[in-house]
Amino acid sequence: GDSDAWVDDVLSSMDVSHMKIITLMDCVEVVEEEIVEGMEDDEHDH
């Protein structure tokens, strides 16, 4: 996810042919982030 945004760039910069890679979000059925009533979104970041 977003907290691992650095990973793709790092992996793309190296030879990973010897490596097995597991992405947790690929192991399950994911759902979209939800903003419920009363919750503040990161408006500035967005």
All heavy atoms as atom14 arrays in JSON, in Angstrom:
{
  "sequence": "GDSDAWVDDVLSSMDVSHMKIITLMDCVEVVEEEIVEGMEDDEHDH",
  "atom14_mask": [
    [1, 1, 1, 1, 0, 0, 0, 0, 0, 0, 0, 0, 0, 0],
    [1, 1, 1, 1, 1, 1, 1, 1, 0, 0, 0, 0, 0, 0],
    [1, 1, 1, 1, 1, 1, 0, 0, 0, 0, 0, 0, 0, 0],
    [1, 1, 1, 1, 1, 1, 1, 1, 0, 0, 0, 0, 0, 0],
    [1, 1, 1, 1, 1, 0, 0, 0, 0, 0, 0, 0, 0, 0],
    [1, 1, 1, 1, 1, 1, 1, 1, 1, 1, 1, 1, 1, 1],
    [1, 1, 1, 1, 1, 1, 1, 0, 0, 0, 0, 0, 0, 0],
    [1, 1, 1, 1, 1, 1, 1, 1, 0, 0, 0, 0, 0, 0],
    [1, 1, 1, 1, 1, 1, 1, 1, 0, 0, 0, 0, 0, 0],
    [1, 1, 1, 1, 1, 1, 1, 0, 0, 0, 0, 0, 0, 0],
    [1, 1, 1, 1, 1, 1, 1, 1, 0, 0, 0, 0, 0, 0],
    [1, 1, 1, 1, 1, 1, 0, 0, 0, 0, 0, 0, 0, 0],
    [1, 1, 1, 1, 1, 1, 0, 0, 0, 0, 0, 0, 0, 0],
    [1, 1, 1, 1, 1, 1, 1, 1, 0, 0, 0, 0, 0, 0],
    [1, 1, 1, 1, 1, 1, 1, 1, 0, 0, 0, 0, 0, 0],
    [1, 1, 1, 1, 1, 1, 1, 0, 0, 0, 0, 0, 0, 0],
    [1, 1, 1, 1, 1, 1, 0, 0, 0, 0, 0, 0, 0, 0],
    [1, 1, 1, 1, 1, 1, 1, 1, 1, 1, 0, 0, 0, 0],
    [1, 1, 1, 1, 1, 1, 1, 1, 0, 0, 0, 0, 0, 0],
    [1, 1, 1, 1, 1, 1, 1, 1, 1, 0, 0, 0, 0, 0],
    [1, 1, 1, 1, 1, 1, 1, 1, 0, 0, 0, 0, 0, 0],
    [1, 1, 1, 1, 1, 1, 1, 1, 0, 0, 0, 0, 0, 0],
    [1, 1, 1, 1, 1, 1, 1, 0, 0, 0, 0, 0, 0, 0],
    [1, 1, 1, 1, 1, 1, 1, 1, 0, 0, 0, 0, 0, 0],
    [1, 1, 1, 1, 1, 1, 1, 1, 0, 0, 0, 0, 0, 0],
    [1, 1, 1, 1, 1, 1, 1, 1, 0, 0, 0, 0, 0, 0],
    [1, 1, 1, 1, 1, 1, 0, 0, 0, 0, 0, 0, 0, 0],
    [1, 1, 1, 1, 1, 1, 1, 0, 0, 0, 0, 0, 0, 0],
    [1, 1, 1, 1, 1, 1, 1, 1, 1, 0, 0, 0, 0, 0],
    [1, 1, 1, 1, 1, 1, 1, 0, 0, 0, 0, 0, 0, 0],
    [1, 1, 1, 1, 1, 1, 1, 0, 0, 0, 0, 0, 0, 0],
    [1, 1, 1, 1, 1, 1, 1, 1, 1, 0, 0, 0, 0, 0],
    [1, 1, 1, 1, 1, 1, 1, 1, 1, 0, 0, 0, 0, 0],
    [1, 1, 1, 1, 1, 1, 1, 1, 1, 0, 0, 0, 0, 0],
    [1, 1, 1, 1, 1, 1, 1, 1, 0, 0, 0, 0, 0, 0],
    [1, 1, 1, 1, 1, 1, 1, 0, 0, 0, 0, 0, 0, 0],
    [1, 1, 1, 1, 1, 1, 1, 1, 1, 0, 0, 0, 0, 0],
    [1, 1, 1, 1, 0, 0, 0, 0, 0, 0, 0, 0, 0, 0],
    [1, 1, 1, 1, 1, 1, 1, 1, 0, 0, 0, 0, 0, 0],
    [1, 1, 1, 1, 1, 1, 1, 1, 1, 0, 0, 0, 0, 0],
    [1, 1, 1, 1, 1, 1, 1, 1, 0, 0, 0, 0, 0, 0],
    [1, 1, 1, 1, 1, 1, 1, 1, 0, 0, 0, 0, 0, 0],
    [1, 1, 1, 1, 1, 1, 1, 1, 1, 0, 0, 0, 0, 0],
    [1, 1, 1, 1, 1, 1, 1, 1, 1, 1, 0, 0, 0, 0],
    [1, 1, 1, 1, 1, 1, 1, 1, 0, 0, 0, 0, 0, 0],
    [1, 1, 1, 1, 1, 1, 1, 1, 1, 1, 0, 0, 0, 0]
  ],
  "atom14_positions": [
    [[0.81, -1.21, 0.0], [0.0, 0.0, 0.0], [0.84, 1.26, 0.0], [2.04, 1.25, -0.32], [0.0, 0.0, 0.0], [0.0, 0.0, 0.0], [0.0, 0.0, 0.0], [0.0, 0.0, 0.0], [0.0, 0.0, 0.0], [0.0, 0.0, 0.0], [0.0, 0.0, 0.0], [0.0, 0.0, 0.0], [0.0, 0.0, 0.0], [0.0, 0.0, 0.0]],
    [[0.21, 2.37, 0.41], [0.89, 3.66, 0.39], [2.12, 3.69, 1.28], [3.1, 4.36, 0.97], [-0.08, 4.76, 0.84], [-1.09, 5.09, -0.24], [-0.89, 4.68, -1.4], [-2.1, 5.77, 0.08], [0.0, 0.0, 0.0], [0.0, 0.0, 0.0], [0.0, 0.0, 0.0], [0.0, 0.0, 0.0], [0.0, 0.0, 0.0], [0.0, 0.0, 0.0]],
    [[2.08, 3.0, 2.41], [3.22, 3.04, 3.32], [4.44, 2.33, 2.75], [5.56, 2.53, 3.21], [2.85, 2.42, 4.67], [2.5, 1.06, 4.53], [0.0, 0.0, 0.0], [0.0, 0.0, 0.0], [0.0, 0.0, 0.0], [0.0, 0.0, 0.0], [0.0, 0.0, 0.0], [0.0, 0.0, 0.0], [0.0, 0.0, 0.0], [0.0, 0.0, 0.0]],
    [[4.23, 1.5, 1.74], [5.33, 0.81, 1.06], [5.57, 1.39, -0.34], [6.07, 0.69, -1.23], [5.04, -0.69, 0.92], [5.31, -1.46, 2.19], [6.02, -0.92, 3.06], [4.83, -2.59, 2.33], [0.0, 0.0, 0.0], [0.0, 0.0, 0.0], [0.0, 0.0, 0.0], [0.0, 0.0, 0.0], [0.0, 0.0, 0.0], [0.0, 0.0, 0.0]],
    [[5.23, 2.65, -0.54], [5.33, 3.24, -1.87], [6.76, 3.23, -2.4], [6.98, 3.22, -3.61], [4.79, 4.67, -1.85], [0.0, 0.0, 0.0], [0.0, 0.0, 0.0], [0.0, 0.0, 0.0], [0.0, 0.0, 0.0], [0.0, 0.0, 0.0], [0.0, 0.0, 0.0], [0.0, 0.0, 0.0], [0.0, 0.0, 0.0], [0.0, 0.0, 0.0]],
    [[7.73, 3.21, -1.5], [9.14, 3.21, -1.9], [9.58, 1.88, -2.5], [10.57, 1.82, -3.23], [10.02, 3.51, -0.68], [9.84, 2.55, 0.46], [8.95, 2.66, 1.49], [10.54, 1.32, 0.67], [9.05, 1.59, 2.33], [10.03, 0.75, 1.85], [11.56, 0.66, -0.01], [10.51, -0.46, 2.37], [12.03, -0.55, 0.5], [11.5, -1.09, 1.67]],
    [[8.84, 0.81, -2.22], [9.3, -0.53, -2.58], [9.42, -0.72, -4.09], [10.43, -1.25, -4.58], [8.36, -1.61, -1.99], [8.71, -2.99, -2.56], [8.47, -1.64, -0.47], [0.0, 0.0, 0.0], [0.0, 0.0, 0.0], [0.0, 0.0, 0.0], [0.0, 0.0, 0.0], [0.0, 0.0, 0.0], [0.0, 0.0, 0.0], [0.0, 0.0, 0.0]],
    [[8.42, -0.3, -4.84], [8.45, -0.53, -6.29], [9.66, 0.11, -6.94], [10.31, -0.49, -7.81], [7.17, 0.01, -6.94], [5.94, -0.83, -6.6], [6.14, -2.0, -6.22], [4.82, -0.32, -6.72], [0.0, 0.0, 0.0], [0.0, 0.0, 0.0], [0.0, 0.0, 0.0], [0.0, 0.0, 0.0], [0.0, 0.0, 0.0], [0.0, 0.0, 0.0]],
    [[9.99, 1.33, -6.52], [11.15, 2.0, -7.09], [12.45, 1.27, -6.73], [13.34, 1.12, -7.56], [11.23, 3.45, -6.6], [10.19, 4.34, -7.27], [9.77, 4.01, -8.39], [9.79, 5.34, -6.67], [0.0, 0.0, 0.0], [0.0, 0.0, 0.0], [0.0, 0.0, 0.0], [0.0, 0.0, 0.0], [0.0, 0.0, 0.0], [0.0, 0.0, 0.0]],
    [[12.53, 0.82, -5.49], [13.74, 0.11, -5.06], [13.89, -1.22, -5.79], [14.96, -1.56, -6.29], [13.73, -0.09, -3.53], [14.83, -1.06, -3.11], [13.92, 1.24, -2.82], [0.0, 0.0, 0.0], [0.0, 0.0, 0.0], [0.0, 0.0, 0.0], [0.0, 0.0, 0.0], [0.0, 0.0, 0.0], [0.0, 0.0, 0.0], [0.0, 0.0, 0.0]],
    [[12.79, -1.97, -5.89], [12.86, -3.27, -6.56], [13.18, -3.11, -8.04], [13.9, -3.94, -8.63], [11.55, -4.03, -6.39], [11.23, -4.53, -4.98], [9.89, -5.28, -4.97], [12.33, -5.44, -4.44], [0.0, 0.0, 0.0], [0.0, 0.0, 0.0], [0.0, 0.0, 0.0], [0.0, 0.0, 0.0], [0.0, 0.0, 0.0], [0.0, 0.0, 0.0]],
    [[12.66, -2.05, -8.64], [12.91, -1.84, -10.07], [14.37, -1.48, -10.34], [14.83, -1.57, -11.48], [11.99, -0.75, -10.62], [12.31, 0.51, -10.06], [0.0, 0.0, 0.0], [0.0, 0.0, 0.0], [0.0, 0.0, 0.0], [0.0, 0.0, 0.0], [0.0, 0.0, 0.0], [0.0, 0.0, 0.0], [0.0, 0.0, 0.0], [0.0, 0.0, 0.0]],
    [[15.09, -1.09, -9.3], [16.48, -0.68, -9.47], [17.46, -1.83, -9.27], [18.67, -1.63, -9.38], [16.81, 0.44, -8.48], [16.86, -0.06, -7.15], [0.0, 0.0, 0.0], [0.0, 0.0, 0.0], [0.0, 0.0, 0.0], [0.0, 0.0, 0.0], [0.0, 0.0, 0.0], [0.0, 0.0, 0.0], [0.0, 0.0, 0.0], [0.0, 0.0, 0.0]],
    [[16.96, -3.03, -8.95], [17.85, -4.14, -8.66], [17.44, -5.4, -9.4], [16.31, -5.51, -9.91], [17.89, -4.41, -7.15], [16.54, -4.79, -6.55], [16.59, -5.18, -4.77], [17.08, -3.62, -4.04], [0.0, 0.0, 0.0], [0.0, 0.0, 0.0], [0.0, 0.0, 0.0], [0.0, 0.0, 0.0], [0.0, 0.0, 0.0], [0.0, 0.0, 0.0]],
    [[18.31, -6.35, -9.45], [18.03, -7.66, -10.04], [17.3, -8.5, -9.01], [17.84, -8.84, -7.96], [19.35, -8.34, -10.44], [19.13, -9.73, -11.04], [17.96, -10.1, -11.29], [20.13, -10.45, -11.25], [0.0, 0.0, 0.0], [0.0, 0.0, 0.0], [0.0, 0.0, 0.0], [0.0, 0.0, 0.0], [0.0, 0.0, 0.0], [0.0, 0.0, 0.0]],
    [[16.05, -8.86, -9.3], [15.25, -9.64, -8.35], [14.99, -11.05, -8.86], [14.11, -11.75, -8.36], [13.9, -8.93, -8.07], [14.13, -7.59, -7.41], [13.09, -8.78, -9.35], [0.0, 0.0, 0.0], [0.0, 0.0, 0.0], [0.0, 0.0, 0.0], [0.0, 0.0, 0.0], [0.0, 0.0, 0.0], [0.0, 0.0, 0.0], [0.0, 0.0, 0.0]],
    [[15.77, -11.49, -9.85], [15.53, -12.8, -10.45], [15.76, -13.94, -9.47], [15.18, -15.02, -9.62], [16.43, -12.98, -11.67], [17.8, -12.88, -11.32], [0.0, 0.0, 0.0], [0.0, 0.0, 0.0], [0.0, 0.0, 0.0], [0.0, 0.0, 0.0], [0.0, 0.0, 0.0], [0.0, 0.0, 0.0], [0.0, 0.0, 0.0], [0.0, 0.0, 0.0]],
    [[16.58, -13.7, -8.45], [16.89, -14.73, -7.46], [15.91, -14.72, -6.29], [15.98, -15.56, -5.4], [18.29, -14.5, -6.89], [18.39, -13.24, -6.1], [18.41, -11.98, -6.7], [18.43, -13.0, -4.76], [18.49, -11.05, -5.76], [18.5, -11.64, -4.57], [0.0, 0.0, 0.0], [0.0, 0.0, 0.0], [0.0, 0.0, 0.0], [0.0, 0.0, 0.0]],
    [[14.98, -13.78, -6.3], [14.18, -13.47, -5.12], [12.71, -13.83, -5.33], [12.16, -13.65, -6.41], [14.3, -11.96, -4.85], [13.7, -11.46, -3.56], [13.69, -9.62, -3.55], [15.41, -9.24, -3.92], [0.0, 0.0, 0.0], [0.0, 0.0, 0.0], [0.0, 0.0, 0.0], [0.0, 0.0, 0.0], [0.0, 0.0, 0.0], [0.0, 0.0, 0.0]],
    [[12.06, -14.35, -4.29], [10.61, -14.54, -4.3], [9.99, -13.4, -3.52], [10.43, -13.08, -2.41], [10.24, -15.89, -3.7], [10.72, -17.07, -4.56], [10.18, -18.39, -4.05], [10.65, -19.55, -4.92], [10.15, -19.46, -6.3], [0.0, 0.0, 0.0], [0.0, 0.0, 0.0], [0.0, 0.0, 0.0], [0.0, 0.0, 0.0], [0.0, 0.0, 0.0]],
    [[8.97, -12.77, -4.11], [8.39, -11.56, -3.54], [6.92, -11.8, -3.23], [6.16, -12.28, -4.08], [8.55, -10.37, -4.5], [10.04, -10.12, -4.78], [7.88, -9.12, -3.93], [10.29, -9.11, -5.89], [0.0, 0.0, 0.0], [0.0, 0.0, 0.0], [0.0, 0.0, 0.0], [0.0, 0.0, 0.0], [0.0, 0.0, 0.0], [0.0, 0.0, 0.0]],
    [[6.53, -11.46, -2.01], [5.13, -11.59, -1.59], [4.58, -10.22, -1.25], [5.15, -9.5, -0.42], [5.0, -12.51, -0.35], [5.51, -13.91, -0.65], [3.54, -12.56, 0.12], [5.51, -14.82, 0.57], [0.0, 0.0, 0.0], [0.0, 0.0, 0.0], [0.0, 0.0, 0.0], [0.0, 0.0, 0.0], [0.0, 0.0, 0.0], [0.0, 0.0, 0.0]],
    [[3.48, -9.85, -1.87], [2.76, -8.62, -1.55], [1.5, -9.02, -0.79], [0.64, -9.73, -1.31], [2.38, -7.86, -2.82], [3.55, -7.65, -3.61], [1.75, -6.52, -2.49], [0.0, 0.0, 0.0], [0.0, 0.0, 0.0], [0.0, 0.0, 0.0], [0.0, 0.0, 0.0], [0.0, 0.0, 0.0], [0.0, 0.0, 0.0], [0.0, 0.0, 0.0]],
    [[1.37, -8.57, 0.45], [0.25, -8.99, 1.3], [-1.09, -8.66, 0.66], [-2.04, -9.44, 0.78], [0.35, -8.33, 2.67], [1.07, -9.13, 3.76], [2.5, -9.41, 3.37], [1.02, -8.4, 5.1], [0.0, 0.0, 0.0], [0.0, 0.0, 0.0], [0.0, 0.0, 0.0], [0.0, 0.0, 0.0], [0.0, 0.0, 0.0], [0.0, 0.0, 0.0]],
    [[-1.18, -7.53, -0.01], [-2.46, -7.13, -0.6], [-2.86, -8.03, -1.77], [-4.03, -8.02, -2.18], [-2.4, -5.67, -1.04], [-2.32, -4.7, 0.13], [-2.23, -2.95, -0.38], [-3.9, -2.68, -0.99], [0.0, 0.0, 0.0], [0.0, 0.0, 0.0], [0.0, 0.0, 0.0], [0.0, 0.0, 0.0], [0.0, 0.0, 0.0], [0.0, 0.0, 0.0]],
    [[-1.92, -8.8, -2.29], [-2.24, -9.75, -3.35], [-2.72, -11.09, -2.8], [-3.15, -11.96, -3.55], [-1.02, -9.99, -4.25], [-0.67, -8.77, -5.09], [-1.54, -7.91, -5.28], [0.49, -8.69, -5.56], [0.0, 0.0, 0.0], [0.0, 0.0, 0.0], [0.0, 0.0, 0.0], [0.0, 0.0, 0.0], [0.0, 0.0, 0.0], [0.0, 0.0, 0.0]],
    [[-2.63, -11.26, -1.48], [-2.99, -12.54, -0.86], [-4.47, -12.62, -0.49], [-4.98, -13.7, -0.19], [-2.17, -12.76, 0.41], [-0.38, -12.87, 0.16], [0.0, 0.0, 0.0], [0.0, 0.0, 0.0], [0.0, 0.0, 0.0], [0.0, 0.0, 0.0], [0.0, 0.0, 0.0], [0.0, 0.0, 0.0], [0.0, 0.0, 0.0], [0.0, 0.0, 0.0]],
    [[-5.15, -11.47, -0.49], [-6.53, -11.42, -0.02], [-7.37, -10.57, -0.97], [-6.85, -9.93, -1.89], [-6.61, -10.82, 1.4], [-5.71, -11.58, 2.37], [-6.23, -9.35, 1.38], [0.0, 0.0, 0.0], [0.0, 0.0, 0.0], [0.0, 0.0, 0.0], [0.0, 0.0, 0.0], [0.0, 0.0, 0.0], [0.0, 0.0, 0.0], [0.0, 0.0, 0.0]],
    [[-8.66, -10.55, -0.73], [-9.56, -9.67, -1.49], [-9.55, -8.29, -0.83], [-9.97, -8.14, 0.33], [-10.98, -10.23, -1.5], [-11.94, -9.43, -2.35], [-13.32, -10.06, -2.42], [-13.45, -11.26, -2.08], [-14.26, -9.35, -2.84], [0.0, 0.0, 0.0], [0.0, 0.0, 0.0], [0.0, 0.0, 0.0], [0.0, 0.0, 0.0], [0.0, 0.0, 0.0]],
    [[-9.06, -7.3, -1.53], [-8.91, -5.97, -0.94], [-10.18, -5.13, -1.15], [-10.97, -5.4, -2.05], [-7.69, -5.22, -1.51], [-6.4, -5.92, -1.11], [-7.79, -5.09, -3.03], [0.0, 0.0, 0.0], [0.0, 0.0, 0.0], [0.0, 0.0, 0.0], [0.0, 0.0, 0.0], [0.0, 0.0, 0.0], [0.0, 0.0, 0.0], [0.0, 0.0, 0.0]],
    [[-10.33, -4.12, -0.28], [-11.46, -3.2, -0.39], [-10.92, -1.78, -0.46], [-9.81, -1.49, -0.01], [-12.42, -3.33, 0.81], [-13.03, -4.72, 0.85], [-11.7, -3.01, 2.13], [0.0, 0.0, 0.0], [0.0, 0.0, 0.0], [0.0, 0.0, 0.0], [0.0, 0.0, 0.0], [0.0, 0.0, 0.0], [0.0, 0.0, 0.0], [0.0, 0.0, 0.0]],
    [[-11.71, -0.89, -1.05], [-11.29, 0.5, -1.15], [-11.34, 1.19, 0.22], [-12.15, 0.83, 1.08], [-12.18, 1.25, -2.14], [-12.03, 0.79, -3.57], [-12.86, 1.63, -4.53], [-12.94, 2.86, -4.31], [-13.42, 1.05, -5.48], [0.0, 0.0, 0.0], [0.0, 0.0, 0.0], [0.0, 0.0, 0.0], [0.0, 0.0, 0.0], [0.0, 0.0, 0.0]],
    [[-10.45, 2.16, 0.39], [-10.49, 2.95, 1.61], [-11.83, 3.65, 1.74], [-12.43, 4.07, 0.74], [-9.37, 3.99, 1.62], [-8.02, 3.42, 1.99], [-7.02, 4.52, 2.35], [-7.32, 5.7, 2.09], [-5.96, 4.17, 2.89], [0.0, 0.0, 0.0], [0.0, 0.0, 0.0], [0.0, 0.0, 0.0], [0.0, 0.0, 0.0], [0.0, 0.0, 0.0]],
    [[-12.31, 3.78, 2.96], [-13.63, 4.34, 3.21], [-13.53, 5.54, 4.15], [-12.82, 5.48, 5.16], [-14.53, 3.27, 3.83], [-15.95, 3.71, 4.08], [-16.79, 2.6, 4.68], [-16.3, 1.89, 5.58], [-17.95, 2.46, 4.26], [0.0, 0.0, 0.0], [0.0, 0.0, 0.0], [0.0, 0.0, 0.0], [0.0, 0.0, 0.0], [0.0, 0.0, 0.0]],
    [[-14.21, 6.6, 3.79], [-14.3, 7.77, 4.66], [-15.71, 7.78, 5.24], [-16.68, 8.05, 4.53], [-14.03, 9.08, 3.9], [-12.7, 9.0, 3.15], [-14.06, 10.26, 4.86], [-11.5, 8.82, 4.02], [0.0, 0.0, 0.0], [0.0, 0.0, 0.0], [0.0, 0.0, 0.0], [0.0, 0.0, 0.0], [0.0, 0.0, 0.0], [0.0, 0.0, 0.0]],
    [[-15.83, 7.45, 6.53], [-17.15, 7.39, 7.16], [-17.53, 8.74, 7.73], [-16.71, 9.67, 7.81], [-17.19, 6.31, 8.27], [-16.89, 4.94, 7.69], [-16.24, 6.65, 9.4], [0.0, 0.0, 0.0], [0.0, 0.0, 0.0], [0.0, 0.0, 0.0], [0.0, 0.0, 0.0], [0.0, 0.0, 0.0], [0.0, 0.0, 0.0], [0.0, 0.0, 0.0]],
    [[-18.77, 8.86, 8.14], [-19.3, 10.1, 8.69], [-18.43, 10.6, 9.84], [-18.05, 9.84, 10.73], [-20.73, 9.89, 9.2], [-21.4, 11.14, 9.71], [-22.78, 10.84, 10.3], [-23.13, 9.65, 10.43], [-23.48, 11.82, 10.63], [0.0, 0.0, 0.0], [0.0, 0.0, 0.0], [0.0, 0.0, 0.0], [0.0, 0.0, 0.0], [0.0, 0.0, 0.0]],
    [[-18.08, 11.88, 9.79], [-17.3, 12.49, 10.85], [-15.8, 12.35, 10.69], [-15.03, 13.01, 11.4], [0.0, 0.0, 0.0], [0.0, 0.0, 0.0], [0.0, 0.0, 0.0], [0.0, 0.0, 0.0], [0.0, 0.0, 0.0], [0.0, 0.0, 0.0], [0.0, 0.0, 0.0], [0.0, 0.0, 0.0], [0.0, 0.0, 0.0], [0.0, 0.0, 0.0]],
    [[-15.35, 11.54, 9.77], [-13.92, 11.29, 9.59], [-13.29, 12.34, 8.69], [-13.85, 12.7, 7.66], [-13.71, 9.9, 8.98], [-12.26, 9.48, 8.83], [-12.11, 7.84, 8.04], [-12.61, 6.76, 9.38], [0.0, 0.0, 0.0], [0.0, 0.0, 0.0], [0.0, 0.0, 0.0], [0.0, 0.0, 0.0], [0.0, 0.0, 0.0], [0.0, 0.0, 0.0]],
    [[-12.12, 12.81, 9.09], [-11.39, 13.8, 8.3], [-10.48, 13.11, 7.31], [-9.72, 12.21, 7.66], [-10.56, 14.71, 9.2], [-11.4, 15.63, 10.07], [-10.54, 16.63, 10.8], [-9.5, 17.05, 10.26], [-10.9, 16.98, 11.93], [0.0, 0.0, 0.0], [0.0, 0.0, 0.0], [0.0, 0.0, 0.0], [0.0, 0.0, 0.0], [0.0, 0.0, 0.0]],
    [[-10.52, 13.57, 6.06], [-9.61, 13.07, 5.04], [-8.39, 13.99, 4.99], [-8.41, 15.11, 5.51], [-10.32, 13.05, 3.68], [-9.63, 12.14, 2.69], [-8.59, 11.56, 3.03], [-10.15, 12.0, 1.57], [0.0, 0.0, 0.0], [0.0, 0.0, 0.0], [0.0, 0.0, 0.0], [0.0, 0.0, 0.0], [0.0, 0.0, 0.0], [0.0, 0.0, 0.0]],
    [[-7.33, 13.51, 4.37], [-6.13, 14.33, 4.19], [-6.35, 15.27, 3.01], [-5.81, 15.08, 1.92], [-4.9, 13.45, 3.91], [-4.37, 12.82, 5.17], [-4.74, 13.29, 6.25], [-3.56, 11.88, 5.07], [0.0, 0.0, 0.0], [0.0, 0.0, 0.0], [0.0, 0.0, 0.0], [0.0, 0.0, 0.0], [0.0, 0.0, 0.0], [0.0, 0.0, 0.0]],
    [[-7.18, 16.3, 3.21], [-7.54, 17.17, 2.1], [-6.32, 17.85, 1.48], [-6.2, 17.95, 0.27], [-8.53, 18.23, 2.58], [-9.89, 17.64, 2.98], [-10.87, 18.72, 3.39], [-10.48, 19.91, 3.32], [-11.99, 18.39, 3.77], [0.0, 0.0, 0.0], [0.0, 0.0, 0.0], [0.0, 0.0, 0.0], [0.0, 0.0, 0.0], [0.0, 0.0, 0.0]],
    [[-5.39, 18.29, 2.34], [-4.22, 18.98, 1.81], [-3.37, 18.04, 0.97], [-2.92, 18.38, -0.12], [-3.38, 19.55, 2.96], [-2.12, 20.22, 2.52], [-2.1, 21.39, 1.81], [-0.81, 19.86, 2.67], [-0.86, 21.75, 1.54], [-0.06, 20.83, 2.05], [0.0, 0.0, 0.0], [0.0, 0.0, 0.0], [0.0, 0.0, 0.0], [0.0, 0.0, 0.0]],
    [[-3.19, 16.82, 1.49], [-2.4, 15.84, 0.75], [-3.05, 15.51, -0.58], [-2.38, 15.34, -1.59], [-2.23, 14.55, 1.58], [-1.29, 14.78, 2.77], [-0.6, 15.82, 2.77], [-1.27, 13.93, 3.68], [0.0, 0.0, 0.0], [0.0, 0.0, 0.0], [0.0, 0.0, 0.0], [0.0, 0.0, 0.0], [0.0, 0.0, 0.0], [0.0, 0.0, 0.0]],
    [[-4.38, 15.4, -0.57], [-5.08, 15.05, -1.8], [-4.98, 16.17, -2.84], [-4.9, 15.91, -4.03], [-6.55, 14.73, -1.51], [-6.75, 13.37, -0.93], [-6.39, 12.22, -1.6], [-7.25, 12.96, 0.26], [-6.68, 11.17, -0.86], [-7.19, 11.6, 0.29], [0.0, 0.0, 0.0], [0.0, 0.0, 0.0], [0.0, 0.0, 0.0], [0.0, 0.0, 0.0]]
  ]
}
